[in-house]
Structures are given as C-alpha cells and as structure tokens.
Amino acid sequence: MEELCSKIKVGDRCEVEPGAKRGTVKFVGRAEALGRGFWVGVQYDEPLGKHDGMVKGIRFFECPQGHGAIVRPEKVKVGDYPERDPFEEEEI
C-alpha cells in the first residue's frame, strides 16, 4: 500500500473507480480518523463528491463543497486525465 501511495502525488490528475470520476489529487497519507492505512483525497472536476475536504471535523484539503472525496489508493489511477468537456458530443 505504501509503495502504491509513493506513486500518487498531490497535484496529479487522476481517475477514481468506480465510475471513472476525474479530478486532482489533494491529499495522500494516513488518516487514522478514517481507518488504518493510507488514503487519497481527491477534488473531482464535477460535484460528484461528498464534502469540501473536511471529514469528521478534520480538514484534509480544501475544495468546493460536493467536490471532495477520500478514497483508498487502489481506487485511484494517476495519469493524463484532462477535464471532460460537458459540451463535447460522445462518439456513436
């Protein structure tokens, strides 16, 4: 798990499963208040999250309300994931 986290950096673009939700990594580390092990905080591009970076009264990062999520590292893929254009037509 720690090795996986070493490849995820704050500022990285990412995609979170399930749902292929795209965003930016805002936090990587331990968060004992959430459970043992490592966690990744993500600011989603769209309001697909549950909070603004504060969970259980602890501020892990800042983002607009409803855009934040904290997930396990195995759910996060970092790479070239540009923001989706909501007006772009999908191919048929």
PDB file of N, CA and C in Angstrom:
ATOM      1  N   MET A   1       0.823  -1.194   0.000  1.00  0.00           N
ATOM      2  CA  MET A   1       0.000   0.000   0.000  1.00  0.00           C
ATOM      3  C   MET A   1       0.869   1.260   0.000  1.00  0.00           C
ATOM      4  N   GLU A   2       1.914   1.253   0.832  1.00  0.00           N
ATOM      5  CA  GLU A   2       2.793   2.410   0.891  1.00  0.00           C
ATOM      6  C   GLU A   2       3.491   2.627  -0.448  1.00  0.00           C
ATOM      7  N   GLU A   3       3.864   1.527  -1.113  1.00  0.00           N
ATOM      8  CA  GLU A   3       4.510   1.628  -2.424  1.00  0.00           C
ATOM      9  C   GLU A   3       3.555   2.247  -3.440  1.00  0.00           C
ATOM     10  N   LEU A   4       2.298   1.849  -3.395  1.00  0.00           N
ATOM     11  CA  LEU A   4       1.287   2.407  -4.293  1.00  0.00           C
ATOM     12  C   LEU A   4       1.131   3.902  -4.041  1.00  0.00           C
ATOM     13  N   CYS A   5       1.098   4.298  -2.776  1.00  0.00           N
ATOM     14  CA  CYS A   5       0.960   5.715  -2.427  1.00  0.00           C
ATOM     15  C   CYS A   5       2.158   6.541  -2.874  1.00  0.00           C
ATOM     16  N   SER A   6       3.336   5.928  -2.922  1.00  0.00           N
ATOM     17  CA  SER A   6       4.526   6.674  -3.321  1.00  0.00           C
ATOM     18  C   SER A   6       4.451   7.118  -4.780  1.00  0.00           C
ATOM     19  N   LYS A   7       3.570   6.506  -5.560  1.00  0.00           N
ATOM     20  CA  LYS A   7       3.403   6.866  -6.968  1.00  0.00           C
ATOM     21  C   LYS A   7       2.294   7.891  -7.176  1.00  0.00           C
ATOM     22  N   ILE A   8       1.590   8.239  -6.112  1.00  0.00           N
ATOM     23  CA  ILE A   8       0.490   9.203  -6.187  1.00  0.00           C
ATOM     24  C   ILE A   8       0.943  10.471  -5.480  1.00  0.00           C
ATOM     25  N   LYS A   9       0.949  11.587  -6.190  1.00  0.00           N
ATOM     26  CA  LYS A   9       1.436  12.852  -5.644  1.00  0.00           C
ATOM     27  C   LYS A   9       0.335  13.914  -5.665  1.00  0.00           C
ATOM     28  N   VAL A  10       0.368  14.798  -4.666  1.00  0.00           N
ATOM     29  CA  VAL A  10      -0.550  15.931  -4.648  1.00  0.00           C
ATOM     30  C   VAL A  10      -0.343  16.729  -5.929  1.00  0.00           C
ATOM     31  N   GLY A  11      -1.429  17.061  -6.588  1.00  0.00           N
ATOM     32  CA  GLY A  11      -1.375  17.793  -7.853  1.00  0.00           C
ATOM     33  C   GLY A  11      -1.542  16.908  -9.071  1.00  0.00           C
ATOM     34  N   ASP A  12      -1.381  15.586  -8.903  1.00  0.00           N
ATOM     35  CA  ASP A  12      -1.564  14.655 -10.023  1.00  0.00           C
ATOM     36  C   ASP A  12      -3.013  14.658 -10.492  1.00  0.00           C
ATOM     37  N   ARG A  13      -3.188  14.538 -11.792  1.00  0.00           N
ATOM     38  CA  ARG A  13      -4.525  14.295 -12.336  1.00  0.00           C
ATOM     39  C   ARG A  13      -4.818  12.816 -12.143  1.00  0.00           C
ATOM     40  N   CYS A  14      -6.088  12.501 -11.910  1.00  0.00           N
ATOM     41  CA  CYS A  14      -6.418  11.107 -11.632  1.00  0.00           C
ATOM     42  C   CYS A  14      -7.826  10.757 -12.084  1.00  0.00           C
ATOM     43  N   GLU A  15      -8.077   9.456 -12.054  1.00  0.00           N
ATOM     44  CA  GLU A  15      -9.399   8.912 -12.310  1.00  0.00           C
ATOM     45  C   GLU A  15      -9.682   7.937 -11.167  1.00  0.00           C
ATOM     46  N   VAL A  16     -10.881   8.028 -10.601  1.00  0.00           N
ATOM     47  CA  VAL A  16     -11.257   7.215  -9.447  1.00  0.00           C
ATOM     48  C   VAL A  16     -12.339   6.229  -9.854  1.00  0.00           C
ATOM     49  N   GLU A  17     -12.134   4.975  -9.469  1.00  0.00           N
ATOM     50  CA  GLU A  17     -13.121   3.923  -9.720  1.00  0.00           C
ATOM     51  C   GLU A  17     -13.917   3.668  -8.447  1.00  0.00           C
ATOM     52  N   PRO A  18     -15.130   3.231  -8.537  1.00  0.00           N
ATOM     53  CA  PRO A  18     -15.875   3.000  -9.775  1.00  0.00           C
ATOM     54  C   PRO A  18     -16.413   4.307 -10.344  1.00  0.00           C
ATOM     55  N   GLY A  19     -16.726   4.292 -11.601  1.00  0.00           N
ATOM     56  CA  GLY A  19     -17.361   5.433 -12.236  1.00  0.00           C
ATOM     57  C   GLY A  19     -16.469   6.320 -13.065  1.00  0.00           C
ATOM     58  N   ALA A  20     -15.168   6.056 -13.091  1.00  0.00           N
ATOM     59  CA  ALA A  20     -14.235   6.854 -13.888  1.00  0.00           C
ATOM     60  C   ALA A  20     -14.389   8.343 -13.611  1.00  0.00           C
ATOM     61  N   LYS A  21     -14.476   8.704 -12.312  1.00  0.00           N
ATOM     62  CA  LYS A  21     -14.606  10.105 -11.916  1.00  0.00           C
ATOM     63  C   LYS A  21     -13.228  10.753 -11.964  1.00  0.00           C
ATOM     64  N   ARG A  22     -13.120  11.885 -12.651  1.00  0.00           N
ATOM     65  CA  ARG A  22     -11.832  12.552 -12.825  1.00  0.00           C
ATOM     66  C   ARG A  22     -11.667  13.710 -11.855  1.00  0.00           C
ATOM     67  N   GLY A  23     -10.405  13.945 -11.505  1.00  0.00           N
ATOM     68  CA  GLY A  23     -10.121  15.042 -10.602  1.00  0.00           C
ATOM     69  C   GLY A  23      -8.635  15.216 -10.385  1.00  0.00           C
ATOM     70  N   THR A  24      -8.305  15.910  -9.285  1.00  0.00           N
ATOM     71  CA  THR A  24      -6.934  16.223  -8.929  1.00  0.00           C
ATOM     72  C   THR A  24      -6.662  15.722  -7.517  1.00  0.00           C
ATOM     73  N   VAL A  25      -5.516  15.075  -7.327  1.00  0.00           N
ATOM     74  CA  VAL A  25      -5.125  14.598  -6.006  1.00  0.00           C
ATOM     75  C   VAL A  25      -4.800  15.799  -5.121  1.00  0.00           C
ATOM     76  N   LYS A  26      -5.400  15.835  -3.929  1.00  0.00           N
ATOM     77  CA  LYS A  26      -5.196  16.943  -2.997  1.00  0.00           C
ATOM     78  C   LYS A  26      -4.563  16.506  -1.679  1.00  0.00           C
ATOM     79  N   PHE A  27      -4.570  15.205  -1.405  1.00  0.00           N
ATOM     80  CA  PHE A  27      -4.032  14.687  -0.144  1.00  0.00           C
ATOM     81  C   PHE A  27      -3.613  13.237  -0.350  1.00  0.00           C
ATOM     82  N   VAL A  28      -2.465  12.874   0.213  1.00  0.00           N
ATOM     83  CA  VAL A  28      -2.019  11.477   0.229  1.00  0.00           C
ATOM     84  C   VAL A  28      -1.399  11.230   1.598  1.00  0.00           C
ATOM     85  N   GLY A  29      -1.900  10.239   2.300  1.00  0.00           N
ATOM     86  CA  GLY A  29      -1.309   9.934   3.597  1.00  0.00           C
ATOM     87  C   GLY A  29      -2.211   9.121   4.491  1.00  0.00           C
ATOM     88  N   ARG A  30      -1.769   9.004   5.729  1.00  0.00           N
ATOM     89  CA  ARG A  30      -2.555   8.284   6.726  1.00  0.00           C
ATOM     90  C   ARG A  30      -3.622   9.216   7.291  1.00  0.00           C
ATOM     91  N   ALA A  31      -4.752   8.634   7.608  1.00  0.00           N
ATOM     92  CA  ALA A  31      -5.853   9.386   8.212  1.00  0.00           C
ATOM     93  C   ALA A  31      -6.518   8.444   9.212  1.00  0.00           C
ATOM     94  N   GLU A  32      -5.922   8.343  10.385  1.00  0.00           N
ATOM     95  CA  GLU A  32      -6.383   7.377  11.382  1.00  0.00           C
ATOM     96  C   GLU A  32      -7.850   7.572  11.740  1.00  0.00           C
ATOM     97  N   ALA A  33      -8.359   8.794  11.637  1.00  0.00           N
ATOM     98  CA  ALA A  33      -9.771   9.049  11.939  1.00  0.00           C
ATOM     99  C   ALA A  33     -10.694   8.320  10.969  1.00  0.00           C
ATOM    100  N   LEU A  34     -10.172   7.974   9.793  1.00  0.00           N
ATOM    101  CA  LEU A  34     -10.977   7.291   8.777  1.00  0.00           C
ATOM    102  C   LEU A  34     -10.753   5.786   8.778  1.00  0.00           C
ATOM    103  N   GLY A  35      -9.711   5.348   9.417  1.00  0.00           N
ATOM    104  CA  GLY A  35      -9.371   3.931   9.423  1.00  0.00           C
ATOM    105  C   GLY A  35      -7.887   3.765   9.180  1.00  0.00           C
ATOM    106  N   ARG A  36      -7.414   2.592   9.448  1.00  0.00           N
ATOM    107  CA  ARG A  36      -5.984   2.322   9.301  1.00  0.00           C
ATOM    108  C   ARG A  36      -5.552   2.379   7.842  1.00  0.00           C
ATOM    109  N   GLY A  37      -4.272   2.638   7.658  1.00  0.00           N
ATOM    110  CA  GLY A  37      -3.717   2.621   6.318  1.00  0.00           C
ATOM    111  C   GLY A  37      -3.696   3.983   5.654  1.00  0.00           C
ATOM    112  N   PHE A  38      -3.474   3.948   4.357  1.00  0.00           N
ATOM    113  CA  PHE A  38      -3.311   5.165   3.568  1.00  0.00           C
ATOM    114  C   PHE A  38      -4.607   5.536   2.859  1.00  0.00           C
ATOM    115  N   TRP A  39      -4.742   6.840   2.623  1.00  0.00           N
ATOM    116  CA  TRP A  39      -5.918   7.398   1.956  1.00  0.00           C
ATOM    117  C   TRP A  39      -5.461   8.430   0.933  1.00  0.00           C
ATOM    118  N   VAL A  40      -6.313   8.676  -0.064  1.00  0.00           N
ATOM    119  CA  VAL A  40      -6.053   9.691  -1.086  1.00  0.00           C
ATOM    120  C   VAL A  40      -7.257  10.626  -1.134  1.00  0.00           C
ATOM    121  N   GLY A  41      -6.988  11.917  -0.989  1.00  0.00           N
ATOM    122  CA  GLY A  41      -8.035  12.929  -1.108  1.00  0.00           C
ATOM    123  C   GLY A  41      -8.064  13.450  -2.528  1.00  0.00           C
ATOM    124  N   VAL A  42      -9.261  13.516  -3.098  1.00  0.00           N
ATOM    125  CA  VAL A  42      -9.425  13.931  -4.491  1.00  0.00           C
ATOM    126  C   VAL A  42     -10.450  15.051  -4.579  1.00  0.00           C
ATOM    127  N   GLN A  43     -10.116  16.066  -5.383  1.00  0.00           N
ATOM    128  CA  GLN A  43     -11.095  17.088  -5.753  1.00  0.00           C
ATOM    129  C   GLN A  43     -11.591  16.730  -7.137  1.00  0.00           C
ATOM    130  N   TYR A  44     -12.845  16.288  -7.215  1.00  0.00           N
ATOM    131  CA  TYR A  44     -13.425  15.931  -8.503  1.00  0.00           C
ATOM    132  C   TYR A  44     -13.684  17.176  -9.337  1.00  0.00           C
ATOM    133  N   ASP A  45     -13.624  17.002 -10.659  1.00  0.00           N
ATOM    134  CA  ASP A  45     -13.919  18.099 -11.578  1.00  0.00           C
ATOM    135  C   ASP A  45     -15.390  18.498 -11.494  1.00  0.00           C
ATOM    136  N   GLU A  46     -16.239  17.539 -11.281  1.00  0.00           N
ATOM    137  CA  GLU A  46     -17.686  17.753 -11.182  1.00  0.00           C
ATOM    138  C   GLU A  46     -18.116  17.518  -9.731  1.00  0.00           C
ATOM    139  N   PRO A  47     -19.288  17.999  -9.334  1.00  0.00           N
ATOM    140  CA  PRO A  47     -19.752  17.796  -7.954  1.00  0.00           C
ATOM    141  C   PRO A  47     -20.222  16.361  -7.704  1.00  0.00           C
ATOM    142  N   LEU A  48     -19.275  15.440  -7.690  1.00  0.00           N
ATOM    143  CA  LEU A  48     -19.568  14.019  -7.508  1.00  0.00           C
ATOM    144  C   LEU A  48     -19.124  13.521  -6.141  1.00  0.00           C
ATOM    145  N   GLY A  49     -18.586  14.412  -5.326  1.00  0.00           N
ATOM    146  CA  GLY A  49     -18.057  14.028  -4.024  1.00  0.00           C
ATOM    147  C   GLY A  49     -19.068  14.197  -2.911  1.00  0.00           C
ATOM    148  N   LYS A  50     -18.552  14.088  -1.691  1.00  0.00           N
ATOM    149  CA  LYS A  50     -19.410  14.130  -0.515  1.00  0.00           C
ATOM    150  C   LYS A  50     -19.117  15.302   0.409  1.00  0.00           C
ATOM    151  N   HIS A  51     -18.027  16.038   0.176  1.00  0.00           N
ATOM    152  CA  HIS A  51     -17.631  17.081   1.124  1.00  0.00           C
ATOM    153  C   HIS A  51     -16.725  18.107   0.456  1.00  0.00           C
ATOM    154  N   ASP A  52     -16.142  18.987   1.281  1.00  0.00           N
ATOM    155  CA  ASP A  52     -15.241  20.036   0.787  1.00  0.00           C
ATOM    156  C   ASP A  52     -13.801  19.823   1.251  1.00  0.00           C
ATOM    157  N   GLY A  53     -13.471  18.581   1.582  1.00  0.00           N
ATOM    158  CA  GLY A  53     -12.131  18.269   2.063  1.00  0.00           C
ATOM    159  C   GLY A  53     -12.059  18.112   3.569  1.00  0.00           C
ATOM    160  N   MET A  54     -13.175  18.394   4.259  1.00  0.00           N
ATOM    161  CA  MET A  54     -13.233  18.202   5.702  1.00  0.00           C
ATOM    162  C   MET A  54     -14.082  16.974   6.001  1.00  0.00           C
ATOM    163  N   VAL A  55     -13.505  16.049   6.780  1.00  0.00           N
ATOM    164  CA  VAL A  55     -14.196  14.816   7.142  1.00  0.00           C
ATOM    165  C   VAL A  55     -14.047  14.604   8.643  1.00  0.00           C
ATOM    166  N   LYS A  56     -15.146  14.342   9.303  1.00  0.00           N
ATOM    167  CA  LYS A  56     -15.159  14.102  10.756  1.00  0.00           C
ATOM    168  C   LYS A  56     -14.472  15.232  11.509  1.00  0.00           C
ATOM    169  N   GLY A  57     -14.685  16.467  11.038  1.00  0.00           N
ATOM    170  CA  GLY A  57     -14.129  17.637  11.697  1.00  0.00           C
ATOM    171  C   GLY A  57     -12.657  17.881  11.439  1.00  0.00           C
ATOM    172  N   ILE A  58     -12.053  17.108  10.556  1.00  0.00           N
ATOM    173  CA  ILE A  58     -10.630  17.258  10.230  1.00  0.00           C
ATOM    174  C   ILE A  58     -10.503  17.747   8.791  1.00  0.00           C
ATOM    175  N   ARG A  59      -9.744  18.834   8.614  1.00  0.00           N
ATOM    176  CA  ARG A  59      -9.516  19.402   7.284  1.00  0.00           C
ATOM    177  C   ARG A  59      -8.320  18.694   6.648  1.00  0.00           C
ATOM    178  N   PHE A  60      -8.591  17.910   5.605  1.00  0.00           N
ATOM    179  CA  PHE A  60      -7.526  17.214   4.883  1.00  0.00           C
ATOM    180  C   PHE A  60      -7.058  18.031   3.680  1.00  0.00           C
ATOM    181  N   PHE A  61      -7.973  18.766   3.058  1.00  0.00           N
ATOM    182  CA  PHE A  61      -7.667  19.643   1.928  1.00  0.00           C
ATOM    183  C   PHE A  61      -8.864  20.557   1.731  1.00  0.00           C
ATOM    184  N   GLU A  62      -8.729  21.524   0.833  1.00  0.00           N
ATOM    185  CA  GLU A  62      -9.833  22.444   0.547  1.00  0.00           C
ATOM    186  C   GLU A  62     -10.273  22.297  -0.894  1.00  0.00           C
ATOM    187  N   CYS A  63     -11.592  22.304  -1.090  1.00  0.00           N
ATOM    188  CA  CYS A  63     -12.173  22.284  -2.425  1.00  0.00           C
ATOM    189  C   CYS A  63     -13.626  22.732  -2.300  1.00  0.00           C
ATOM    190  N   PRO A  64     -14.293  23.005  -3.413  1.00  0.00           N
ATOM    191  CA  PRO A  64     -15.700  23.388  -3.338  1.00  0.00           C
ATOM    192  C   PRO A  64     -16.549  22.267  -2.726  1.00  0.00           C
ATOM    193  N   GLN A  65     -17.588  22.659  -1.992  1.00  0.00           N
ATOM    194  CA  GLN A  65     -18.490  21.684  -1.378  1.00  0.00           C
ATOM    195  C   GLN A  65     -19.040  20.729  -2.438  1.00  0.00           C
ATOM    196  N   GLY A  66     -19.043  19.447  -2.116  1.00  0.00           N
ATOM    197  CA  GLY A  66     -19.567  18.440  -3.032  1.00  0.00           C
ATOM    198  C   GLY A  66     -18.575  17.931  -4.060  1.00  0.00           C
ATOM    199  N   HIS A  67     -17.351  18.458  -4.038  1.00  0.00           N
ATOM    200  CA  HIS A  67     -16.331  18.020  -4.998  1.00  0.00           C
ATOM    201  C   HIS A  67     -15.281  17.122  -4.356  1.00  0.00           C
ATOM    202  N   GLY A  68     -15.317  16.937  -3.039  1.00  0.00           N
ATOM    203  CA  GLY A  68     -14.271  16.202  -2.348  1.00  0.00           C
ATOM    204  C   GLY A  68     -14.615  14.758  -2.039  1.00  0.00           C
ATOM    205  N   ALA A  69     -13.587  13.919  -2.080  1.00  0.00           N
ATOM    206  CA  ALA A  69     -13.715  12.517  -1.690  1.00  0.00           C
ATOM    207  C   ALA A  69     -12.373  12.055  -1.137  1.00  0.00           C
ATOM    208  N   ILE A  70     -12.444  11.128  -0.195  1.00  0.00           N
ATOM    209  CA  ILE A  70     -11.237  10.481   0.310  1.00  0.00           C
ATOM    210  C   ILE A  70     -11.433   8.990   0.114  1.00  0.00           C
ATOM    211  N   VAL A  71     -10.533   8.399  -0.671  1.00  0.00           N
ATOM    212  CA  VAL A  71     -10.679   7.001  -1.078  1.00  0.00           C
ATOM    213  C   VAL A  71      -9.375   6.247  -0.828  1.00  0.00           C
ATOM    214  N   ARG A  72      -9.457   4.945  -0.917  1.00  0.00           N
ATOM    215  CA  ARG A  72      -8.262   4.114  -0.788  1.00  0.00           C
ATOM    216  C   ARG A  72      -7.423   4.222  -2.063  1.00  0.00           C
ATOM    217  N   PRO A  73      -6.101   4.145  -1.938  1.00  0.00           N
ATOM    218  CA  PRO A  73      -5.215   4.325  -3.097  1.00  0.00           C
ATOM    219  C   PRO A  73      -5.469   3.362  -4.250  1.00  0.00           C
ATOM    220  N   GLU A  74      -5.918   2.156  -3.958  1.00  0.00           N
ATOM    221  CA  GLU A  74      -6.138   1.200  -5.047  1.00  0.00           C
ATOM    222  C   GLU A  74      -7.288   1.607  -5.962  1.00  0.00           C
ATOM    223  N   LYS A  75      -8.084   2.579  -5.561  1.00  0.00           N
ATOM    224  CA  LYS A  75      -9.190   3.063  -6.391  1.00  0.00           C
ATOM    225  C   LYS A  75      -8.764   4.212  -7.309  1.00  0.00           C
ATOM    226  N   VAL A  76      -7.508   4.671  -7.156  1.00  0.00           N
ATOM    227  CA  VAL A  76      -7.017   5.855  -7.864  1.00  0.00           C
ATOM    228  C   VAL A  76      -5.994   5.463  -8.925  1.00  0.00           C
ATOM    229  N   LYS A  77      -6.209   5.957 -10.151  1.00  0.00           N
ATOM    230  CA  LYS A  77      -5.225   5.809 -11.228  1.00  0.00           C
ATOM    231  C   LYS A  77      -4.757   7.207 -11.606  1.00  0.00           C
ATOM    232  N   VAL A  78      -3.456   7.447 -11.549  1.00  0.00           N
ATOM    233  CA  VAL A  78      -2.937   8.748 -11.953  1.00  0.00           C
ATOM    234  C   VAL A  78      -2.466   8.680 -13.395  1.00  0.00           C
ATOM    235  N   GLY A  79      -2.541   9.816 -14.075  1.00  0.00           N
ATOM    236  CA  GLY A  79      -2.118   9.863 -15.467  1.00  0.00           C
ATOM    237  C   GLY A  79      -2.654  11.098 -16.151  1.00  0.00           C
ATOM    238  N   ASP A  80      -2.697  11.049 -17.460  1.00  0.00           N
ATOM    239  CA  ASP A  80      -3.179  12.167 -18.269  1.00  0.00           C
ATOM    240  C   ASP A  80      -4.695  12.058 -18.395  1.00  0.00           C
ATOM    241  N   TYR A  81      -5.387  12.613 -17.423  1.00  0.00           N
ATOM    242  CA  TYR A  81      -6.852  12.588 -17.408  1.00  0.00           C
ATOM    243  C   TYR A  81      -7.367  14.025 -17.440  1.00  0.00           C
ATOM    244  N   PRO A  82      -7.458  14.616 -18.638  1.00  0.00           N
ATOM    245  CA  PRO A  82      -7.937  16.000 -18.720  1.00  0.00           C
ATOM    246  C   PRO A  82      -9.401  16.089 -18.303  1.00  0.00           C
ATOM    247  N   GLU A  83      -9.797  17.300 -17.912  1.00  0.00           N
ATOM    248  CA  GLU A  83     -11.206  17.509 -17.582  1.00  0.00           C
ATOM    249  C   GLU A  83     -12.046  17.194 -18.804  1.00  0.00           C
ATOM    250  N   ARG A  84     -13.182  16.570 -18.570  1.00  0.00           N
ATOM    251  CA  ARG A  84     -14.096  16.273 -19.675  1.00  0.00           C
ATOM    252  C   ARG A  84     -14.852  17.542 -20.041  1.00  0.00           C
ATOM    253  N   ASP A  85     -15.068  17.718 -21.340  1.00  0.00           N
ATOM    254  CA  ASP A  85     -15.845  18.849 -21.831  1.00  0.00           C
ATOM    255  C   ASP A  85     -17.315  18.449 -21.793  1.00  0.00           C
ATOM    256  N   PRO A  86     -18.123  19.111 -20.957  1.00  0.00           N
ATOM    257  CA  PRO A  86     -19.529  18.712 -20.853  1.00  0.00           C
ATOM    258  C   PRO A  86     -20.322  18.936 -22.139  1.00  0.00           C
ATOM    259  N   PHE A  87     -19.765  19.736 -23.049  1.00  0.00           N
ATOM    260  CA  PHE A  87     -20.468  20.021 -24.298  1.00  0.00           C
ATOM    261  C   PHE A  87     -19.964  19.176 -25.461  1.00  0.00           C
ATOM    262  N   GLU A  88     -18.950  18.370 -25.194  1.00  0.00           N
ATOM    263  CA  GLU A  88     -18.404  17.516 -26.241  1.00  0.00           C
ATOM    264  C   GLU A  88     -19.357  16.356 -26.498  1.00  0.00           C
ATOM    265  N   GLU A  89     -19.642  16.133 -27.759  1.00  0.00           N
ATOM    266  CA  GLU A  89     -20.534  15.031 -28.108  1.00  0.00           C
ATOM    267  C   GLU A  89     -19.767  13.725 -28.053  1.00  0.00           C
ATOM    268  N   GLU A  90     -20.410  12.717 -27.493  1.00  0.00           N
ATOM    269  CA  GLU A  90     -19.784  11.403 -27.462  1.00  0.00           C
ATOM    270  C   GLU A  90     -19.932  10.757 -28.827  1.00  0.00           C
ATOM    271  N   GLU A  91     -18.929   9.954 -29.187  1.00  0.00           N
ATOM    272  CA  GLU A  91     -18.999   9.242 -30.459  1.00  0.00           C
ATOM    273  C   GLU A  91     -20.016   8.121 -30.361  1.00  0.00           C
ATOM    274  N   ILE A  92     -20.685   7.874 -31.472  1.00  0.00           N
ATOM    275  CA  ILE A  92     -21.688   6.799 -31.502  1.00  0.00           C
ATOM    276  C   ILE A  92     -21.136   5.628 -32.252  1.00  0.00           C
TER     277      ILE A  92
END
